[in-house]
Amino acid sequence: MKHKISITLILLGMFLVTQLIGMFVVNTYAPIEQTIINPATGESEIIMTENVLPFGLQVSEDDPTPNFISIVFCFVLAFALISVLMKYKWKIVIRLWFFLVTTLALAISINAFLSYSSLANIIDISIIALIISALLAVFKIFKSNKYIHNFTELLIYPGIAAIFVSILTPVSVIALLVLISFYDMWAVWKSGIMQKMAKFQMEELKIFGGFLIPSTSKKVKSQIEKIKQKYKGKKIPASIKKKKFKVSLAILGGGDIIFPIITSGVFMRAYGIIPALLIMAGAFAGLVFLFTITKKGKSYPAMPYISVGIFLGMLIWRVFIF
């Protein structure tokens, strides 16, 4: 196992919590089914009332094929753009990009939670959600710490997933999983672009798209504690402040978190809660398996393992329940 059991359990716990939040947020923006009685015929009719996303982000669901192609194109374009920005180190542009995406994603999730509060009957909750999200994004991007970073990550991916769920079908999301899994294997094992992107984000930008848990050995913790005790109530010399300590980082990329949410959300809207829960369980099982086989000093693409787990969840649903 690559990381300590305690760190692994924290990562798994955050992954599972984010999946549950994702299902809640996606369900909040799902169309509402209502049964009405036709006054002319006296027969009951089922109508679907659209529950649109805030900030004008709702996308037409009329023809999913162009939407799927557009999503693939957007991923390719985003990859090319981030590569160019990294090459020329346009840090301010990347930071602004992160800030805008973070703000919107957080606002979608927070708006979903606020929609169930009494505030929804008094004021425009989307404005409140946007203000809260912008403040959180400022701290995350410009004054981040591990607590703010990981807390916001719990809400970012459900917000982004809510957009994609509304424009994908079960078939197209399966195709997307296959494409992303192959890309992940190539990016980690062949080109190493994933490691380069993660390193650039953490070292150059001081931000990272995904869960990030730093930890130190008992020896390092003891050294830090001795320094704190020695200079308690005193000014710490600059030479001591600059002293470097070895810190281990346990990370889980944003893509590994968001695609299971998108998949379970698409199947929940199409077939109900049971397949969504099985997909979530499969993704979780795939991640658990990956964490048990990882070795220190090596990088692994998570999506192939998560996707296999998702497909097993689908298979169980299709064979034994559907």
Foldseek 3Di string as FASTA:
>chain_A
DADDPVVLVVQLVLLLLLLVLLLLLLVLQFWDWDWDQDPVPRDIDIDTHGRAFPPPLADDQPDLPVVLVVVVVVVVVVVVVVVVCLVVVVQVVVLVVQLVLLLQQQLSSVLSVCCPPPVVVPDDVSVVSSVVSNVLSCCQQPVDDQVSQSVSLSRRLSSVLSSLLNRHALVSLLVVLVVVLVVLCCCVVPVVVVVVSQCCCCPVRVHAAWHKDKDADPVQVVVVVVQCVVQPVHDDDPVVVPDDDDIDMDTDHNVLSNSLSNNLSNCCSVPNNQLSVLLSVLLSVLQVVVVVPDHHPGDDRSSVSSSVRNVVSVVCCVPPPD
